[in-house]
Amino acid sequence: MSRVRIAASYSFTTLLARVIESGLCDTEIFVFSAYTDPEIEAHLEALKRNRNSVNFIVPLAEEAEK
């Protein structure tokens, strides 16, 4: 089961910051993105520190390796 929430008015880093501020914990999180930067990485680490399981998935990564 999954839940998708559309929040097009926020940047991805702002969306992550808001999720962190909400106190989300004990949740399995999947992030599908071909891009990351130090700020995104820091937000993902903060989510992990709050007892969340964070899975960062790069779409088509296996295709790019071939």
N, C-alpha and C. Protein backbone atom coordinates (compact mmCIF):
# COMPACT_ATOMS: atom_id res chain seq x y z
N MET A 1 0.85 -1.15 0.00
CA MET A 1 0.00 0.00 0.00
C MET A 1 0.92 1.23 0.00
N SER A 2 0.51 2.24 -0.68
CA SER A 2 1.28 3.49 -0.69
C SER A 2 0.33 4.67 -0.65
N ARG A 3 0.91 5.78 -0.29
CA ARG A 3 0.13 7.01 -0.27
C ARG A 3 0.97 8.07 -0.97
N VAL A 4 0.37 8.73 -1.93
CA VAL A 4 1.05 9.78 -2.67
C VAL A 4 0.36 11.09 -2.35
N ARG A 5 1.17 12.04 -1.96
CA ARG A 5 0.63 13.37 -1.70
C ARG A 5 1.29 14.35 -2.66
N ILE A 6 0.50 15.08 -3.37
CA ILE A 6 1.02 16.07 -4.31
C ILE A 6 1.13 17.41 -3.59
N ALA A 7 2.30 17.99 -3.65
CA ALA A 7 2.53 19.30 -3.05
C ALA A 7 3.39 20.10 -4.01
N ALA A 8 2.85 20.43 -5.14
CA ALA A 8 3.61 21.06 -6.21
C ALA A 8 4.08 22.47 -5.88
N SER A 9 3.52 23.07 -4.86
CA SER A 9 3.91 24.43 -4.54
C SER A 9 5.21 24.50 -3.72
N TYR A 10 5.77 23.36 -3.34
CA TYR A 10 7.00 23.31 -2.54
C TYR A 10 8.13 22.72 -3.36
N SER A 11 9.35 23.18 -3.10
CA SER A 11 10.51 22.49 -3.66
C SER A 11 10.67 21.17 -2.89
N PHE A 12 11.44 20.26 -3.44
CA PHE A 12 11.62 18.96 -2.79
C PHE A 12 12.27 19.13 -1.43
N THR A 13 13.27 20.01 -1.33
CA THR A 13 13.93 20.21 -0.04
C THR A 13 12.97 20.82 0.99
N THR A 14 12.11 21.73 0.55
CA THR A 14 11.12 22.31 1.45
C THR A 14 10.12 21.25 1.90
N LEU A 15 9.71 20.40 0.98
CA LEU A 15 8.80 19.31 1.32
C LEU A 15 9.43 18.39 2.37
N LEU A 16 10.69 18.01 2.17
CA LEU A 16 11.38 17.17 3.15
C LEU A 16 11.48 17.87 4.50
N ALA A 17 11.81 19.15 4.49
CA ALA A 17 11.92 19.90 5.75
C ALA A 17 10.59 19.91 6.50
N ARG A 18 9.50 20.09 5.78
CA ARG A 18 8.17 20.10 6.41
C ARG A 18 7.81 18.73 6.99
N VAL A 19 8.20 17.68 6.29
CA VAL A 19 7.95 16.33 6.81
C VAL A 19 8.73 16.12 8.10
N ILE A 20 9.98 16.57 8.12
CA ILE A 20 10.81 16.46 9.32
C ILE A 20 10.19 17.25 10.46
N GLU A 21 9.78 18.48 10.18
CA GLU A 21 9.17 19.33 11.20
C GLU A 21 7.88 18.73 11.76
N SER A 22 7.18 17.95 10.94
CA SER A 22 5.92 17.35 11.40
C SER A 22 6.16 16.25 12.44
N GLY A 23 7.42 15.79 12.55
CA GLY A 23 7.74 14.76 13.54
C GLY A 23 7.46 13.35 13.06
N LEU A 24 7.37 13.15 11.74
CA LEU A 24 7.11 11.83 11.20
C LEU A 24 8.11 10.82 11.75
N CYS A 25 7.61 9.69 12.25
CA CYS A 25 8.51 8.66 12.77
C CYS A 25 7.91 7.28 12.52
N ASP A 26 8.78 6.27 12.62
CA ASP A 26 8.37 4.87 12.45
C ASP A 26 7.64 4.63 11.12
N THR A 27 8.17 5.22 10.05
CA THR A 27 7.54 5.14 8.73
C THR A 27 8.57 4.67 7.71
N GLU A 28 8.13 3.87 6.75
CA GLU A 28 9.00 3.46 5.67
C GLU A 28 8.82 4.44 4.52
N ILE A 29 9.90 5.10 4.12
CA ILE A 29 9.86 6.16 3.12
C ILE A 29 10.66 5.72 1.90
N PHE A 30 10.05 5.87 0.72
CA PHE A 30 10.73 5.59 -0.55
C PHE A 30 10.83 6.89 -1.32
N VAL A 31 12.04 7.25 -1.71
CA VAL A 31 12.27 8.45 -2.51
C VAL A 31 12.77 8.00 -3.87
N PHE A 32 12.04 8.34 -4.92
CA PHE A 32 12.44 8.03 -6.28
C PHE A 32 12.95 9.33 -6.92
N SER A 33 14.24 9.38 -7.19
CA SER A 33 14.81 10.59 -7.77
C SER A 33 16.12 10.27 -8.47
N ALA A 34 16.37 10.94 -9.57
CA ALA A 34 17.64 10.80 -10.27
C ALA A 34 18.64 11.85 -9.81
N TYR A 35 18.25 12.67 -8.84
CA TYR A 35 19.09 13.78 -8.40
C TYR A 35 19.13 13.83 -6.87
N THR A 36 20.29 14.16 -6.34
CA THR A 36 20.44 14.44 -4.92
C THR A 36 21.53 15.49 -4.74
N ASP A 37 21.53 16.12 -3.59
CA ASP A 37 22.56 17.10 -3.26
C ASP A 37 22.78 17.03 -1.74
N PRO A 38 23.75 17.75 -1.22
CA PRO A 38 24.04 17.67 0.22
C PRO A 38 22.84 18.04 1.11
N GLU A 39 22.03 18.99 0.69
CA GLU A 39 20.88 19.39 1.49
C GLU A 39 19.83 18.26 1.55
N ILE A 40 19.58 17.63 0.42
CA ILE A 40 18.65 16.51 0.40
C ILE A 40 19.19 15.37 1.25
N GLU A 41 20.47 15.07 1.11
CA GLU A 41 21.10 14.01 1.91
C GLU A 41 20.95 14.29 3.41
N ALA A 42 21.14 15.54 3.81
CA ALA A 42 21.00 15.91 5.22
C ALA A 42 19.57 15.70 5.70
N HIS A 43 18.60 16.06 4.88
CA HIS A 43 17.19 15.85 5.24
C HIS A 43 16.88 14.36 5.37
N LEU A 44 17.40 13.54 4.46
CA LEU A 44 17.16 12.10 4.53
C LEU A 44 17.78 11.51 5.78
N GLU A 45 18.96 11.99 6.16
CA GLU A 45 19.60 11.53 7.39
C GLU A 45 18.78 11.93 8.62
N ALA A 46 18.21 13.13 8.59
CA ALA A 46 17.36 13.57 9.70
C ALA A 46 16.13 12.68 9.83
N LEU A 47 15.56 12.28 8.70
CA LEU A 47 14.42 11.37 8.74
C LEU A 47 14.82 10.02 9.33
N LYS A 48 16.01 9.53 8.98
CA LYS A 48 16.50 8.27 9.53
C LYS A 48 16.70 8.36 11.04
N ARG A 49 17.21 9.49 11.50
CA ARG A 49 17.43 9.67 12.95
C ARG A 49 16.12 9.64 13.73
N ASN A 50 15.01 9.90 13.04
CA ASN A 50 13.71 9.90 13.70
C ASN A 50 13.01 8.53 13.53
N ARG A 51 13.81 7.47 13.43
CA ARG A 51 13.33 6.09 13.37
C ARG A 51 12.53 5.77 12.12
N ASN A 52 12.81 6.45 11.02
CA ASN A 52 12.18 6.14 9.74
C ASN A 52 13.14 5.29 8.92
N SER A 53 12.59 4.44 8.09
CA SER A 53 13.38 3.69 7.12
C SER A 53 13.31 4.48 5.81
N VAL A 54 14.47 4.94 5.33
CA VAL A 54 14.50 5.77 4.13
C VAL A 54 15.22 5.01 3.02
N ASN A 55 14.51 4.82 1.90
CA ASN A 55 15.04 4.12 0.74
C ASN A 55 15.14 5.10 -0.42
N PHE A 56 16.36 5.37 -0.89
CA PHE A 56 16.56 6.29 -2.00
C PHE A 56 16.77 5.46 -3.26
N ILE A 57 15.88 5.60 -4.22
CA ILE A 57 15.89 4.77 -5.42
C ILE A 57 16.10 5.67 -6.64
N VAL A 58 17.11 5.31 -7.43
CA VAL A 58 17.38 6.05 -8.67
C VAL A 58 16.71 5.29 -9.81
N PRO A 59 15.67 5.85 -10.40
CA PRO A 59 14.97 5.15 -11.49
C PRO A 59 15.90 4.87 -12.66
N LEU A 60 15.77 3.69 -13.22
CA LEU A 60 16.54 3.25 -14.38
C LEU A 60 18.04 3.21 -14.14
N ALA A 61 18.48 3.10 -12.90
CA ALA A 61 19.91 3.06 -12.60
C ALA A 61 20.55 1.83 -13.23
N GLU A 62 19.85 0.71 -13.23
CA GLU A 62 20.40 -0.49 -13.83
C GLU A 62 20.58 -0.33 -15.33
N GLU A 63 19.67 0.37 -15.99
CA GLU A 63 19.79 0.61 -17.43
C GLU A 63 21.00 1.47 -17.75
N ALA A 64 21.30 2.45 -16.91
CA ALA A 64 22.41 3.35 -17.14
C ALA A 64 23.76 2.63 -17.01
N GLU A 65 23.80 1.59 -16.18
CA GLU A 65 25.05 0.85 -15.97
C GLU A 65 25.39 -0.03 -17.16
N LYS A 66 24.42 -0.40 -17.98
CA LYS A 66 24.66 -1.31 -19.10
C LYS A 66 25.31 -0.64 -20.28
